[in-house]
Amino acid sequence: MNYSILQKIIGDLENFEAEKASGEVSMEDFVGFLNQKYLGRILTPQPVVTPPENEENNIGQLVAFMYRYAKSYIKKALEESTILTLDDFGYLAAVWQYGNLTKTQVIEKNIHEKNTGMEIIKRLIGNQLLEQYDDEQDKRSKRLKITPLGQAELFKSFDGMLKVSKIISGKLSDTERLQLFYLLNKLHNFHNPIFLQEKDTSIDNLLKKYF
């Protein structure tokens, strides 16, 4: 047995666990961590036509572009559905997957501001895809459940949305998809607590706190 490789893996695992100190770790996440660390050393670098002046700006722009690409594909996939938008799909899927959530829980799972989320919920209730009812524990709160019509429309949309997912992933290799998933999930885990807990914190204060 090559113990030097085993020692290196153990060292990488310790570094990975230290990085993920606040959350659970999985084999998939660890493999993604290893891919990120070592894959770039063995893959042939792709030529860059114009060196980016600011990597952060370019990342932000490309993320925005990917959202717009996805939005255009999803619009095609939902052309004949009562589900009108990606937001409609996300809200229905959340209620179906997690059970009878409160309105606030559904909005937070979909990463929306409260006013935007309430408009989406109102539209889905109006289209008879969701129903609301009083929370037995908190009479000020409303919970949501998916209607039979909502579930039927959601299930009908799955095939089209799977096709969209395939197109969005492009022609990435299995390794590249795993690496991309790891990086996107890492960014999600960084931003989600900020979104939920730092709503009133200014950009300058966020930079001071996290960077």
N, C-alpha and C. Protein backbone atom coordinates (compact mmCIF):
# COMPACT_ATOMS: atom_id res chain seq x y z
N MET A 1 0.85 -1.20 0.00
CA MET A 1 0.00 0.00 0.00
C MET A 1 0.88 1.25 0.00
N ASN A 2 0.49 2.23 -0.81
CA ASN A 2 1.25 3.48 -0.88
C ASN A 2 0.77 4.41 0.24
N TYR A 3 1.49 4.38 1.37
CA TYR A 3 1.05 5.14 2.54
C TYR A 3 1.21 6.65 2.34
N SER A 4 2.11 7.06 1.47
CA SER A 4 2.28 8.50 1.24
C SER A 4 1.02 9.09 0.62
N ILE A 5 0.39 8.34 -0.30
CA ILE A 5 -0.86 8.81 -0.90
C ILE A 5 -1.96 8.84 0.15
N LEU A 6 -2.02 7.78 1.00
CA LEU A 6 -3.03 7.73 2.05
C LEU A 6 -2.86 8.91 3.01
N GLN A 7 -1.63 9.23 3.37
CA GLN A 7 -1.38 10.36 4.26
C GLN A 7 -1.83 11.67 3.62
N LYS A 8 -1.60 11.79 2.31
CA LYS A 8 -2.03 13.00 1.61
C LYS A 8 -3.55 13.12 1.60
N ILE A 9 -4.24 11.97 1.39
CA ILE A 9 -5.71 11.98 1.40
C ILE A 9 -6.22 12.37 2.77
N ILE A 10 -5.61 11.82 3.82
CA ILE A 10 -6.02 12.16 5.18
C ILE A 10 -5.82 13.65 5.44
N GLY A 11 -4.69 14.19 4.97
CA GLY A 11 -4.45 15.63 5.12
C GLY A 11 -5.49 16.45 4.39
N ASP A 12 -5.84 16.02 3.17
CA ASP A 12 -6.87 16.73 2.41
C ASP A 12 -8.21 16.66 3.12
N LEU A 13 -8.53 15.49 3.70
CA LEU A 13 -9.79 15.34 4.42
C LEU A 13 -9.83 16.26 5.64
N GLU A 14 -8.72 16.39 6.34
CA GLU A 14 -8.67 17.29 7.50
C GLU A 14 -8.89 18.74 7.06
N ASN A 15 -8.28 19.13 5.95
CA ASN A 15 -8.47 20.49 5.44
C ASN A 15 -9.92 20.71 5.00
N PHE A 16 -10.50 19.69 4.37
CA PHE A 16 -11.88 19.79 3.92
C PHE A 16 -12.83 19.93 5.10
N GLU A 17 -12.63 19.10 6.14
CA GLU A 17 -13.50 19.17 7.32
C GLU A 17 -13.35 20.51 8.03
N ALA A 18 -12.14 21.06 8.04
CA ALA A 18 -11.93 22.38 8.66
C ALA A 18 -12.68 23.45 7.89
N GLU A 19 -12.69 23.32 6.57
CA GLU A 19 -13.40 24.28 5.73
C GLU A 19 -14.90 24.18 5.93
N LYS A 20 -15.40 22.97 6.21
CA LYS A 20 -16.83 22.73 6.37
C LYS A 20 -17.20 22.58 7.83
N ALA A 21 -16.52 23.28 8.70
CA ALA A 21 -16.68 23.07 10.14
C ALA A 21 -18.11 23.28 10.60
N SER A 22 -18.84 24.14 9.92
CA SER A 22 -20.18 24.50 10.39
C SER A 22 -21.28 23.62 9.81
N GLY A 23 -20.92 22.64 8.97
CA GLY A 23 -21.95 21.83 8.34
C GLY A 23 -21.53 20.39 8.17
N GLU A 24 -22.50 19.54 7.74
CA GLU A 24 -22.21 18.14 7.52
C GLU A 24 -21.39 17.97 6.24
N VAL A 25 -20.61 16.90 6.21
CA VAL A 25 -19.80 16.62 5.03
C VAL A 25 -20.25 15.29 4.43
N SER A 26 -20.04 15.13 3.14
CA SER A 26 -20.40 13.90 2.45
C SER A 26 -19.26 13.50 1.53
N MET A 27 -19.29 12.24 1.08
CA MET A 27 -18.28 11.76 0.15
C MET A 27 -18.32 12.56 -1.14
N GLU A 28 -19.55 12.89 -1.60
CA GLU A 28 -19.68 13.66 -2.84
C GLU A 28 -19.02 15.03 -2.72
N ASP A 29 -19.22 15.68 -1.57
CA ASP A 29 -18.61 16.99 -1.35
C ASP A 29 -17.08 16.87 -1.31
N PHE A 30 -16.59 15.81 -0.66
CA PHE A 30 -15.14 15.62 -0.56
C PHE A 30 -14.52 15.36 -1.93
N VAL A 31 -15.20 14.56 -2.74
CA VAL A 31 -14.71 14.31 -4.11
C VAL A 31 -14.67 15.61 -4.89
N GLY A 32 -15.71 16.44 -4.72
CA GLY A 32 -15.72 17.74 -5.39
C GLY A 32 -14.56 18.61 -4.94
N PHE A 33 -14.26 18.57 -3.64
CA PHE A 33 -13.13 19.32 -3.09
C PHE A 33 -11.82 18.86 -3.72
N LEU A 34 -11.65 17.54 -3.85
CA LEU A 34 -10.43 17.00 -4.46
C LEU A 34 -10.34 17.38 -5.94
N ASN A 35 -11.49 17.31 -6.61
CA ASN A 35 -11.50 17.70 -8.03
C ASN A 35 -11.06 19.15 -8.20
N GLN A 36 -11.61 20.02 -7.34
CA GLN A 36 -11.27 21.43 -7.44
C GLN A 36 -9.77 21.65 -7.20
N LYS A 37 -9.20 20.89 -6.25
CA LYS A 37 -7.80 21.10 -5.87
C LYS A 37 -6.83 20.55 -6.91
N TYR A 38 -7.16 19.37 -7.46
CA TYR A 38 -6.17 18.68 -8.29
C TYR A 38 -6.47 18.66 -9.78
N LEU A 39 -7.76 18.81 -10.14
CA LEU A 39 -8.11 18.64 -11.55
C LEU A 39 -7.45 19.68 -12.43
N GLY A 40 -7.38 20.92 -11.93
CA GLY A 40 -6.79 21.98 -12.73
C GLY A 40 -5.32 21.75 -13.07
N ARG A 41 -4.65 20.89 -12.29
CA ARG A 41 -3.23 20.62 -12.53
C ARG A 41 -3.01 19.63 -13.68
N ILE A 42 -4.08 18.85 -14.00
CA ILE A 42 -3.90 17.82 -15.02
C ILE A 42 -4.67 18.11 -16.30
N LEU A 43 -5.67 19.01 -16.22
CA LEU A 43 -6.41 19.36 -17.42
C LEU A 43 -5.61 20.36 -18.24
N THR A 44 -5.71 20.27 -19.55
CA THR A 44 -5.05 21.23 -20.43
C THR A 44 -5.78 22.56 -20.34
N PRO A 45 -5.11 23.65 -19.98
CA PRO A 45 -5.78 24.94 -19.87
C PRO A 45 -6.37 25.37 -21.21
N GLN A 46 -7.57 25.94 -21.16
CA GLN A 46 -8.20 26.46 -22.36
C GLN A 46 -7.69 27.87 -22.62
N PRO A 47 -7.43 28.21 -23.88
CA PRO A 47 -6.93 29.56 -24.17
C PRO A 47 -7.95 30.63 -23.83
N VAL A 48 -7.48 31.72 -23.26
CA VAL A 48 -8.34 32.86 -22.94
C VAL A 48 -8.07 33.95 -23.96
N VAL A 49 -9.09 34.32 -24.71
CA VAL A 49 -8.92 35.30 -25.78
C VAL A 49 -8.54 36.66 -25.20
N THR A 50 -9.31 37.10 -24.20
CA THR A 50 -9.04 38.38 -23.56
C THR A 50 -8.89 38.16 -22.06
N PRO A 51 -7.72 38.40 -21.49
CA PRO A 51 -7.55 38.20 -20.05
C PRO A 51 -8.56 39.04 -19.27
N PRO A 52 -9.27 38.43 -18.33
CA PRO A 52 -10.26 39.19 -17.57
C PRO A 52 -9.60 40.25 -16.70
N GLU A 53 -10.16 41.45 -16.72
CA GLU A 53 -9.62 42.53 -15.89
C GLU A 53 -10.01 42.34 -14.43
N ASN A 54 -11.14 41.73 -14.22
CA ASN A 54 -11.63 41.54 -12.86
C ASN A 54 -12.40 40.23 -12.81
N GLU A 55 -11.83 39.21 -12.18
CA GLU A 55 -12.46 37.89 -12.18
C GLU A 55 -13.82 37.91 -11.51
N GLU A 56 -13.96 38.67 -10.42
CA GLU A 56 -15.24 38.71 -9.72
C GLU A 56 -16.33 39.28 -10.62
N ASN A 57 -16.02 40.35 -11.36
CA ASN A 57 -17.01 40.93 -12.27
C ASN A 57 -17.42 39.93 -13.33
N ASN A 58 -16.45 39.21 -13.87
CA ASN A 58 -16.74 38.24 -14.91
C ASN A 58 -17.57 37.08 -14.38
N ILE A 59 -17.28 36.63 -13.18
CA ILE A 59 -18.09 35.57 -12.58
C ILE A 59 -19.53 36.03 -12.42
N GLY A 60 -19.72 37.24 -11.89
CA GLY A 60 -21.07 37.77 -11.71
C GLY A 60 -21.81 37.88 -13.03
N GLN A 61 -21.13 38.34 -14.06
CA GLN A 61 -21.77 38.48 -15.36
C GLN A 61 -22.15 37.12 -15.94
N LEU A 62 -21.26 36.14 -15.82
CA LEU A 62 -21.54 34.82 -16.37
C LEU A 62 -22.68 34.12 -15.62
N VAL A 63 -22.75 34.32 -14.31
CA VAL A 63 -23.86 33.76 -13.53
C VAL A 63 -25.18 34.37 -14.01
N ALA A 64 -25.18 35.69 -14.24
CA ALA A 64 -26.38 36.35 -14.75
C ALA A 64 -26.76 35.83 -16.13
N PHE A 65 -25.76 35.62 -16.98
CA PHE A 65 -26.02 35.07 -18.31
C PHE A 65 -26.64 33.67 -18.21
N MET A 66 -26.10 32.83 -17.31
CA MET A 66 -26.63 31.47 -17.16
C MET A 66 -28.09 31.50 -16.71
N TYR A 67 -28.43 32.44 -15.83
CA TYR A 67 -29.82 32.58 -15.40
C TYR A 67 -30.72 32.92 -16.58
N ARG A 68 -30.25 33.82 -17.44
CA ARG A 68 -31.06 34.22 -18.59
C ARG A 68 -31.20 33.09 -19.60
N TYR A 69 -30.11 32.34 -19.82
CA TYR A 69 -30.20 31.18 -20.70
C TYR A 69 -31.24 30.20 -20.16
N ALA A 70 -31.14 29.90 -18.86
CA ALA A 70 -32.06 28.95 -18.23
C ALA A 70 -33.50 29.43 -18.33
N LYS A 71 -33.69 30.72 -18.10
CA LYS A 71 -35.04 31.30 -18.15
C LYS A 71 -35.65 31.13 -19.54
N SER A 72 -34.85 31.31 -20.59
CA SER A 72 -35.37 31.17 -21.95
C SER A 72 -35.73 29.73 -22.26
N TYR A 73 -34.92 28.77 -21.80
CA TYR A 73 -35.22 27.35 -22.02
C TYR A 73 -36.47 26.93 -21.24
N ILE A 74 -36.58 27.41 -20.01
CA ILE A 74 -37.73 27.06 -19.17
C ILE A 74 -39.02 27.60 -19.77
N LYS A 75 -38.96 28.79 -20.33
CA LYS A 75 -40.14 29.36 -20.98
C LYS A 75 -40.63 28.45 -22.10
N LYS A 76 -39.71 27.88 -22.87
CA LYS A 76 -40.08 26.94 -23.93
C LYS A 76 -40.70 25.67 -23.34
N ALA A 77 -40.10 25.17 -22.25
CA ALA A 77 -40.57 23.92 -21.66
C ALA A 77 -41.96 24.04 -21.05
N LEU A 78 -42.33 25.25 -20.62
CA LEU A 78 -43.61 25.45 -19.93
C LEU A 78 -44.66 26.11 -20.82
N GLU A 79 -44.42 26.13 -22.12
CA GLU A 79 -45.33 26.84 -23.04
C GLU A 79 -46.78 26.37 -22.92
N GLU A 80 -47.00 25.09 -22.74
CA GLU A 80 -48.36 24.55 -22.71
C GLU A 80 -48.81 24.17 -21.31
N SER A 81 -48.16 24.74 -20.31
CA SER A 81 -48.46 24.40 -18.92
C SER A 81 -49.17 25.54 -18.21
N THR A 82 -49.96 25.19 -17.20
CA THR A 82 -50.55 26.20 -16.32
C THR A 82 -49.48 26.85 -15.47
N ILE A 83 -48.37 26.15 -15.28
CA ILE A 83 -47.21 26.71 -14.57
C ILE A 83 -46.52 27.67 -15.52
N LEU A 84 -46.48 28.94 -15.18
CA LEU A 84 -46.06 29.97 -16.12
C LEU A 84 -44.56 30.24 -16.11
N THR A 85 -43.93 30.12 -14.95
CA THR A 85 -42.53 30.55 -14.82
C THR A 85 -41.72 29.58 -13.97
N LEU A 86 -40.41 29.79 -13.96
CA LEU A 86 -39.54 29.02 -13.08
C LEU A 86 -39.93 29.23 -11.62
N ASP A 87 -40.33 30.44 -11.27
CA ASP A 87 -40.75 30.72 -9.90
C ASP A 87 -41.97 29.90 -9.52
N ASP A 88 -42.96 29.83 -10.42
CA ASP A 88 -44.14 29.01 -10.16
C ASP A 88 -43.74 27.56 -9.92
N PHE A 89 -42.87 27.06 -10.78
CA PHE A 89 -42.41 25.67 -10.65
C PHE A 89 -41.69 25.47 -9.32
N GLY A 90 -40.81 26.39 -8.96
CA GLY A 90 -40.05 26.26 -7.72
C GLY A 90 -40.93 26.25 -6.48
N TYR A 91 -41.95 27.09 -6.46
CA TYR A 91 -42.85 27.16 -5.30
C TYR A 91 -43.69 25.89 -5.19
N LEU A 92 -44.23 25.43 -6.31
CA LEU A 92 -45.01 24.20 -6.29
C LEU A 92 -44.15 23.01 -5.88
N ALA A 93 -42.94 22.94 -6.43
CA ALA A 93 -42.04 21.83 -6.11
C ALA A 93 -41.66 21.84 -4.63
N ALA A 94 -41.45 23.02 -4.06
CA ALA A 94 -41.08 23.11 -2.64
C ALA A 94 -42.21 22.62 -1.75
N VAL A 95 -43.44 23.05 -2.03
CA VAL A 95 -44.58 22.63 -1.22
C VAL A 95 -44.81 21.13 -1.37
N TRP A 96 -44.68 20.63 -2.60
CA TRP A 96 -44.87 19.19 -2.83
C TRP A 96 -43.77 18.37 -2.14
N GLN A 97 -42.54 18.83 -2.22
CA GLN A 97 -41.41 18.06 -1.69
C GLN A 97 -41.34 18.09 -0.17
N TYR A 98 -41.56 19.26 0.43
CA TYR A 98 -41.32 19.41 1.86
C TYR A 98 -42.59 19.34 2.70
N GLY A 99 -43.75 19.28 2.06
CA GLY A 99 -44.98 19.22 2.82
C GLY A 99 -45.60 20.59 3.00
N ASN A 100 -46.44 20.71 3.98
CA ASN A 100 -47.23 21.92 4.17
C ASN A 100 -46.42 23.01 4.87
N LEU A 101 -45.70 23.78 4.09
CA LEU A 101 -44.83 24.83 4.60
C LEU A 101 -45.62 26.11 4.85
N THR A 102 -45.07 26.97 5.70
CA THR A 102 -45.63 28.30 5.82
C THR A 102 -45.24 29.12 4.59
N LYS A 103 -45.93 30.21 4.38
CA LYS A 103 -45.59 31.08 3.24
C LYS A 103 -44.14 31.55 3.35
N THR A 104 -43.74 31.93 4.55
CA THR A 104 -42.37 32.43 4.74
C THR A 104 -41.35 31.35 4.41
N GLN A 105 -41.60 30.12 4.81
CA GLN A 105 -40.67 29.03 4.53
C GLN A 105 -40.53 28.79 3.03
N VAL A 106 -41.64 28.83 2.31
CA VAL A 106 -41.59 28.62 0.86
C VAL A 106 -40.80 29.74 0.19
N ILE A 107 -41.04 30.96 0.63
CA ILE A 107 -40.34 32.12 0.05
C ILE A 107 -38.84 32.01 0.30
N GLU A 108 -38.46 31.65 1.53
CA GLU A 108 -37.03 31.55 1.85
C GLU A 108 -36.35 30.41 1.10
N LYS A 109 -37.04 29.30 0.90
CA LYS A 109 -36.45 28.19 0.15
C LYS A 109 -36.21 28.57 -1.31
N ASN A 110 -36.98 29.51 -1.82
CA ASN A 110 -36.83 29.94 -3.21
C ASN A 110 -36.00 31.21 -3.34
N ILE A 111 -35.42 31.66 -2.24
CA ILE A 111 -34.50 32.81 -2.25
C ILE A 111 -35.17 34.04 -2.87
N HIS A 112 -36.30 34.43 -2.30
CA HIS A 112 -37.00 35.62 -2.78
C HIS A 112 -37.21 36.60 -1.63
N GLU A 113 -37.36 37.86 -1.98
CA GLU A 113 -37.83 38.84 -1.01
C GLU A 113 -39.30 38.58 -0.72
N LYS A 114 -39.77 39.03 0.45
CA LYS A 114 -41.12 38.70 0.90
C LYS A 114 -42.18 39.19 -0.08
N ASN A 115 -42.09 40.43 -0.54
CA ASN A 115 -43.12 40.97 -1.42
C ASN A 115 -43.21 40.19 -2.73
N THR A 116 -42.06 39.86 -3.30
CA THR A 116 -42.04 39.08 -4.54
C THR A 116 -42.66 37.71 -4.32
N GLY A 117 -42.27 37.06 -3.21
CA GLY A 117 -42.80 35.74 -2.91
C GLY A 117 -44.30 35.74 -2.70
N MET A 118 -44.81 36.76 -2.02
CA MET A 118 -46.25 36.83 -1.78
C MET A 118 -47.03 36.98 -3.09
N GLU A 119 -46.48 37.71 -4.05
CA GLU A 119 -47.14 37.85 -5.35
C GLU A 119 -47.19 36.51 -6.08
N ILE A 120 -46.12 35.75 -6.01
CA ILE A 120 -46.09 34.43 -6.65
C ILE A 120 -47.11 33.50 -6.00
N ILE A 121 -47.14 33.49 -4.67
CA ILE A 121 -48.10 32.65 -3.95
C ILE A 121 -49.53 33.05 -4.28
N LYS A 122 -49.78 34.34 -4.32
CA LYS A 122 -51.12 34.84 -4.65
C LYS A 122 -51.54 34.35 -6.03
N ARG A 123 -50.62 34.39 -6.99
CA ARG A 123 -50.93 33.94 -8.35
C ARG A 123 -51.22 32.43 -8.37
N LEU A 124 -50.44 31.66 -7.65
CA LEU A 124 -50.64 30.21 -7.64
C LEU A 124 -51.95 29.83 -6.95
N ILE A 125 -52.31 30.55 -5.90
CA ILE A 125 -53.60 30.31 -5.25
C ILE A 125 -54.74 30.69 -6.19
N GLY A 126 -54.60 31.82 -6.88
CA GLY A 126 -55.61 32.27 -7.83
C GLY A 126 -55.81 31.30 -8.97
N ASN A 127 -54.73 30.61 -9.37
CA ASN A 127 -54.81 29.62 -10.44
C ASN A 127 -55.17 28.23 -9.92
N GLN A 128 -55.50 28.15 -8.63
CA GLN A 128 -55.94 26.91 -7.98
C GLN A 128 -54.86 25.82 -7.99
N LEU A 129 -53.62 26.25 -7.93
CA LEU A 129 -52.51 25.30 -7.87
C LEU A 129 -52.04 25.10 -6.43
N LEU A 130 -52.26 26.09 -5.58
CA LEU A 130 -51.98 26.01 -4.15
C LEU A 130 -53.21 26.41 -3.36
N GLU A 131 -53.30 25.89 -2.13
CA GLU A 131 -54.32 26.32 -1.17
C GLU A 131 -53.62 26.79 0.09
N GLN A 132 -54.22 27.76 0.78
CA GLN A 132 -53.68 28.22 2.05
C GLN A 132 -54.65 27.89 3.17
N TYR A 133 -54.12 27.69 4.37
CA TYR A 133 -54.96 27.41 5.52
C TYR A 133 -54.25 27.91 6.77
N ASP A 134 -54.99 28.06 7.86
CA ASP A 134 -54.43 28.60 9.10
C ASP A 134 -53.45 27.61 9.73
N ASP A 135 -52.37 28.14 10.26
CA ASP A 135 -51.40 27.34 11.02
C ASP A 135 -52.00 27.09 12.41
N GLU A 136 -52.09 25.82 12.81
CA GLU A 136 -52.70 25.49 14.10
C GLU A 136 -51.88 26.03 15.27
N GLN A 137 -50.56 26.15 15.09
CA GLN A 137 -49.69 26.61 16.17
C GLN A 137 -49.58 28.13 16.23
N ASP A 138 -49.77 28.78 15.10
CA ASP A 138 -49.63 30.24 15.02
C ASP A 138 -50.73 30.79 14.13
N LYS A 139 -51.76 31.32 14.73
CA LYS A 139 -52.93 31.77 13.98
C LYS A 139 -52.62 32.94 13.06
N ARG A 140 -51.49 33.62 13.29
CA ARG A 140 -51.12 34.74 12.42
C ARG A 140 -50.49 34.25 11.12
N SER A 141 -50.13 32.98 11.10
CA SER A 141 -49.39 32.43 9.96
C SER A 141 -50.30 31.57 9.08
N LYS A 142 -49.97 31.51 7.81
CA LYS A 142 -50.69 30.67 6.85
C LYS A 142 -49.76 29.59 6.31
N ARG A 143 -50.29 28.40 6.18
CA ARG A 143 -49.55 27.31 5.56
C ARG A 143 -50.12 27.02 4.17
N LEU A 144 -49.31 26.35 3.37
CA LEU A 144 -49.69 26.08 1.99
C LEU A 144 -49.69 24.59 1.72
N LYS A 145 -50.61 24.15 0.89
CA LYS A 145 -50.58 22.78 0.39
C LYS A 145 -50.90 22.80 -1.10
N ILE A 146 -50.34 21.83 -1.80
CA ILE A 146 -50.54 21.77 -3.24
C ILE A 146 -51.89 21.11 -3.52
N THR A 147 -52.62 21.63 -4.47
CA THR A 147 -53.92 21.08 -4.84
C THR A 147 -53.72 19.90 -5.79
N PRO A 148 -54.76 19.08 -5.98
CA PRO A 148 -54.66 18.01 -6.99
C PRO A 148 -54.30 18.55 -8.37
N LEU A 149 -54.86 19.70 -8.73
CA LEU A 149 -54.52 20.32 -10.01
C LEU A 149 -53.06 20.74 -10.03
N GLY A 150 -52.62 21.35 -8.93
CA GLY A 150 -51.23 21.78 -8.85
C GLY A 150 -50.26 20.62 -8.96
N GLN A 151 -50.58 19.51 -8.29
CA GLN A 151 -49.71 18.34 -8.36
C GLN A 151 -49.69 17.76 -9.77
N ALA A 152 -50.86 17.71 -10.41
CA ALA A 152 -50.93 17.18 -11.78
C ALA A 152 -50.10 18.03 -12.73
N GLU A 153 -50.22 19.36 -12.61
CA GLU A 153 -49.46 20.25 -13.48
C GLU A 153 -47.96 20.16 -13.20
N LEU A 154 -47.61 20.03 -11.92
CA LEU A 154 -46.21 19.90 -11.55
C LEU A 154 -45.61 18.63 -12.16
N PHE A 155 -46.33 17.52 -12.02
CA PHE A 155 -45.83 16.25 -12.55
C PHE A 155 -45.69 16.31 -14.07
N LYS A 156 -46.64 16.97 -14.73
CA LYS A 156 -46.57 17.08 -16.19
C LYS A 156 -45.36 17.89 -16.64
N SER A 157 -44.91 18.80 -15.79
CA SER A 157 -43.80 19.68 -16.16
C SER A 157 -42.43 19.03 -15.95
N PHE A 158 -42.38 17.92 -15.20
CA PHE A 158 -41.10 17.32 -14.85
C PHE A 158 -40.28 16.94 -16.08
N ASP A 159 -40.91 16.33 -17.07
CA ASP A 159 -40.18 15.87 -18.25
C ASP A 159 -39.50 17.05 -18.96
N GLY A 160 -40.25 18.13 -19.15
CA GLY A 160 -39.69 19.31 -19.80
C GLY A 160 -38.56 19.93 -18.99
N MET A 161 -38.72 19.96 -17.67
CA MET A 161 -37.68 20.56 -16.83
C MET A 161 -36.42 19.69 -16.79
N LEU A 162 -36.58 18.38 -16.89
CA LEU A 162 -35.40 17.51 -16.99
C LEU A 162 -34.63 17.78 -18.28
N LYS A 163 -35.37 18.01 -19.35
CA LYS A 163 -34.72 18.34 -20.63
C LYS A 163 -33.97 19.66 -20.51
N VAL A 164 -34.58 20.62 -19.82
CA VAL A 164 -33.92 21.92 -19.61
C VAL A 164 -32.62 21.72 -18.84
N SER A 165 -32.67 20.90 -17.79
CA SER A 165 -31.47 20.66 -16.98
C SER A 165 -30.34 20.08 -17.82
N LYS A 166 -30.70 19.18 -18.73
CA LYS A 166 -29.69 18.57 -19.60
C LYS A 166 -29.06 19.62 -20.51
N ILE A 167 -29.90 20.49 -21.08
CA ILE A 167 -29.39 21.52 -21.99
C ILE A 167 -28.51 22.51 -21.23
N ILE A 168 -28.95 22.92 -20.04
CA ILE A 168 -28.20 23.90 -19.25
C ILE A 168 -26.81 23.37 -18.91
N SER A 169 -26.71 22.07 -18.65
CA SER A 169 -25.41 21.48 -18.30
C SER A 169 -24.46 21.44 -19.48
N GLY A 170 -24.98 21.70 -20.68
CA GLY A 170 -24.13 21.75 -21.86
C GLY A 170 -23.45 20.42 -22.12
N LYS A 171 -22.24 20.48 -22.64
CA LYS A 171 -21.48 19.27 -22.96
C LYS A 171 -20.33 19.06 -21.98
N LEU A 172 -20.57 19.41 -20.74
CA LEU A 172 -19.57 19.17 -19.71
C LEU A 172 -19.39 17.67 -19.49
N SER A 173 -18.19 17.26 -19.20
CA SER A 173 -17.93 15.86 -18.86
C SER A 173 -18.48 15.58 -17.46
N ASP A 174 -18.55 14.30 -17.11
CA ASP A 174 -19.02 13.93 -15.77
C ASP A 174 -18.17 14.60 -14.69
N THR A 175 -16.87 14.62 -14.90
CA THR A 175 -15.97 15.25 -13.92
C THR A 175 -16.21 16.74 -13.83
N GLU A 176 -16.40 17.39 -14.97
CA GLU A 176 -16.65 18.83 -14.98
C GLU A 176 -17.97 19.16 -14.32
N ARG A 177 -19.00 18.33 -14.54
CA ARG A 177 -20.29 18.57 -13.89
C ARG A 177 -20.17 18.44 -12.38
N LEU A 178 -19.43 17.43 -11.92
CA LEU A 178 -19.23 17.25 -10.49
C LEU A 178 -18.49 18.43 -9.89
N GLN A 179 -17.49 18.91 -10.60
CA GLN A 179 -16.71 20.05 -10.13
C GLN A 179 -17.58 21.30 -10.09
N LEU A 180 -18.38 21.52 -11.13
CA LEU A 180 -19.26 22.68 -11.17
C LEU A 180 -20.28 22.62 -10.05
N PHE A 181 -20.87 21.44 -9.83
CA PHE A 181 -21.84 21.28 -8.75
C PHE A 181 -21.21 21.61 -7.40
N TYR A 182 -20.00 21.12 -7.19
CA TYR A 182 -19.31 21.38 -5.92
C TYR A 182 -19.12 22.88 -5.71
N LEU A 183 -18.67 23.58 -6.74
CA LEU A 183 -18.40 25.01 -6.62
C LEU A 183 -19.69 25.81 -6.41
N LEU A 184 -20.73 25.47 -7.17
CA LEU A 184 -22.00 26.18 -7.03
C LEU A 184 -22.61 25.93 -5.65
N ASN A 185 -22.52 24.69 -5.18
CA ASN A 185 -23.05 24.36 -3.86
C ASN A 185 -22.26 25.08 -2.77
N LYS A 186 -20.96 25.21 -2.98
CA LYS A 186 -20.12 25.94 -2.02
C LYS A 186 -20.55 27.41 -1.96
N LEU A 187 -20.81 28.01 -3.11
CA LEU A 187 -21.28 29.39 -3.14
C LEU A 187 -22.66 29.52 -2.49
N HIS A 188 -23.54 28.55 -2.77
CA HIS A 188 -24.87 28.57 -2.16
C HIS A 188 -24.77 28.52 -0.63
N ASN A 189 -23.92 27.64 -0.12
CA ASN A 189 -23.76 27.52 1.33
C ASN A 189 -23.16 28.77 1.95
N PHE A 190 -22.39 29.52 1.18
CA PHE A 190 -21.86 30.80 1.66
C PHE A 190 -22.94 31.88 1.68
N HIS A 191 -23.71 31.96 0.60
CA HIS A 191 -24.65 33.08 0.45
C HIS A 191 -25.97 32.88 1.20
N ASN A 192 -26.42 31.63 1.36
CA ASN A 192 -27.74 31.41 1.94
C ASN A 192 -27.89 31.98 3.35
N PRO A 193 -26.94 31.75 4.27
CA PRO A 193 -27.08 32.36 5.60
C PRO A 193 -27.07 33.89 5.55
N ILE A 194 -26.31 34.45 4.63
CA ILE A 194 -26.29 35.91 4.48
C ILE A 194 -27.66 36.40 4.04
N PHE A 195 -28.25 35.71 3.06
CA PHE A 195 -29.58 36.09 2.56
C PHE A 195 -30.62 36.02 3.67
N LEU A 196 -30.56 34.98 4.49
CA LEU A 196 -31.58 34.77 5.51
C LEU A 196 -31.38 35.64 6.75
N GLN A 197 -30.13 35.94 7.10
CA GLN A 197 -29.85 36.57 8.39
C GLN A 197 -29.29 37.99 8.31
N GLU A 198 -28.93 38.44 7.11
CA GLU A 198 -28.27 39.74 6.99
C GLU A 198 -29.03 40.67 6.05
N LYS A 199 -30.35 40.58 6.08
CA LYS A 199 -31.16 41.35 5.12
C LYS A 199 -30.96 42.85 5.24
N ASP A 200 -30.66 43.33 6.43
CA ASP A 200 -30.52 44.78 6.64
C ASP A 200 -29.06 45.23 6.69
N THR A 201 -28.13 44.32 6.40
CA THR A 201 -26.71 44.66 6.45
C THR A 201 -26.26 45.26 5.12
N SER A 202 -25.54 46.36 5.17
CA SER A 202 -25.09 47.02 3.95
C SER A 202 -24.00 46.21 3.26
N ILE A 203 -23.79 46.51 1.97
CA ILE A 203 -22.74 45.84 1.21
C ILE A 203 -21.38 46.05 1.86
N ASP A 204 -21.09 47.28 2.28
CA ASP A 204 -19.80 47.57 2.90
C ASP A 204 -19.59 46.75 4.17
N ASN A 205 -20.64 46.63 4.98
CA ASN A 205 -20.52 45.86 6.22
C ASN A 205 -20.40 44.36 5.95
N LEU A 206 -21.06 43.89 4.89
CA LEU A 206 -20.90 42.48 4.51
C LEU A 206 -19.46 42.19 4.10
N LEU A 207 -18.87 43.10 3.35
CA LEU A 207 -17.48 42.93 2.94
C LEU A 207 -16.55 42.90 4.15
N LYS A 208 -16.79 43.79 5.11
CA LYS A 208 -15.95 43.82 6.31
C LYS A 208 -16.10 42.54 7.12
N LYS A 209 -17.31 42.04 7.20
CA LYS A 209 -17.58 40.88 8.04
C LYS A 209 -17.06 39.58 7.45
N TYR A 210 -17.21 39.41 6.13
CA TYR A 210 -16.91 38.11 5.53
C TYR A 210 -15.61 38.06 4.74
N PHE A 211 -15.01 39.23 4.50
CA PHE A 211 -13.77 39.24 3.72
C PHE A 211 -12.66 40.00 4.44
